[in-house]
Protein backbone atom coordinates (compact mmCIF):
# COMPACT_ATOMS: atom_id res chain seq x y z
CA MET A 1 0.02 0.24 -0.04
CA ALA A 2 2.69 2.46 -1.45
CA PRO A 3 1.39 6.08 -1.15
CA ILE A 4 1.59 7.67 -4.62
CA LEU A 5 4.47 10.48 -4.44
CA ASP A 6 3.78 13.96 -6.18
CA PRO A 7 7.14 14.23 -8.76
CA ARG A 8 7.71 17.61 -7.73
CA GLY A 9 8.74 16.48 -4.21
CA GLY A 10 5.73 17.90 -2.49
CA PRO A 11 4.03 15.64 0.19
CA ALA A 12 2.51 12.50 -0.77
CA SER A 13 -1.08 11.87 -2.12
CA VAL A 14 -3.14 9.98 0.16
CA GLU A 15 -4.16 7.92 -2.94
CA THR A 16 -2.51 4.77 -3.12
CA ILE A 17 -0.89 2.66 -6.08
CA GLU A 18 -3.32 -0.08 -5.21
CA ASP A 19 -6.41 2.54 -5.44
CA LYS A 20 -5.23 4.09 -8.54
CA LEU A 21 -4.89 0.78 -10.48
CA ALA A 22 -8.30 -0.23 -9.13
CA GLN A 23 -10.15 3.10 -10.54
CA LEU A 24 -12.13 2.97 -13.76
CA GLU A 25 -11.13 4.22 -16.92
CA GLN A 26 -13.33 5.08 -19.82
CA LEU A 27 -12.25 3.50 -23.25
CA MET A 28 -13.63 5.85 -26.16
CA ASN A 29 -14.14 4.59 -30.03
CA ASN A 30 -14.34 7.36 -32.21
CA GLN A 31 -15.33 10.07 -29.26
CA SER A 32 -18.03 7.68 -27.85
CA PRO A 33 -17.46 5.57 -24.68
CA ARG A 34 -17.10 1.68 -25.79
CA GLU A 35 -16.12 0.35 -22.22
CA ALA A 36 -15.19 1.12 -18.64
CA ARG A 37 -12.22 -1.11 -17.31
CA ALA A 38 -10.15 -1.02 -14.28
CA LEU A 39 -6.50 0.61 -15.32
CA ALA A 40 -4.75 -2.56 -13.81
CA ASP A 41 -6.67 -4.73 -16.47
CA SER A 42 -5.59 -2.50 -19.51
CA LEU A 43 -2.05 -2.66 -18.57
CA ARG A 44 -2.29 -6.38 -18.02
CA GLN A 45 -3.46 -6.55 -21.16
CA MET A 46 -1.39 -4.25 -23.23
CA VAL A 47 1.72 -6.13 -21.48
CA LEU A 48 0.29 -9.62 -22.09
CA ASN A 49 -0.35 -8.58 -25.78
CA HIS A 50 2.91 -7.05 -26.23
CA ILE A 51 5.02 -10.02 -24.73
CA VAL A 52 3.01 -12.62 -27.20
CA HIS A 53 3.86 -10.03 -29.91
CA HIS A 54 7.49 -10.47 -29.12
CA ARG A 55 7.33 -14.28 -29.08
CA ALA A 56 5.52 -14.68 -32.24
CA GLN A 57 8.14 -12.30 -33.83
CA LEU A 58 11.16 -14.27 -32.53
CA GLY A 59 9.41 -17.69 -33.59
CA LEU A 60 9.04 -16.18 -37.24
CA TYR A 61 12.73 -15.07 -37.25
CA LEU A 62 14.04 -18.56 -36.28
CA ARG A 63 11.93 -20.33 -38.95
CA LEU A 64 13.36 -17.70 -41.28
CA LEU A 65 17.18 -18.90 -40.07
CA ASP A 66 15.87 -22.37 -40.42
CA GLN A 67 16.69 -22.70 -36.56
CA LYS A 68 14.23 -24.99 -34.36
CA VAL A 69 11.62 -22.76 -32.81
CA PRO A 70 11.92 -23.68 -28.58
CA SER A 71 8.59 -24.93 -27.20
CA MET A 72 6.69 -22.43 -25.35
CA TYR A 73 3.29 -23.77 -24.44
CA GLY A 74 4.23 -27.57 -25.90
CA PRO A 75 5.50 -29.10 -28.70
CA THR A 76 6.04 -27.10 -31.98
CA ALA A 77 5.78 -27.91 -35.39
CA ASP A 78 9.79 -28.75 -35.24
CA ASP A 79 9.35 -31.31 -32.57
CA LYS A 80 8.69 -34.84 -33.96
CA MET A 81 6.07 -36.77 -32.37
């Protein structure tokens, strides 16, 4: 429950990081509201999407170099069954 510090060196806010992450944010689509979700959920989704993107990118580059792609979630097409 760490307090959020003021970057200008002023007193700390009474709001905690957990409180800030739990706040709902409004997702917009062409100036109209689409849905509301907690900031923590949005951050988690963006980070997971980014990790998956880079994992797939690595697999593609390994295949282009005729290298074996390591299994990440189970056997790959390179593994003999």
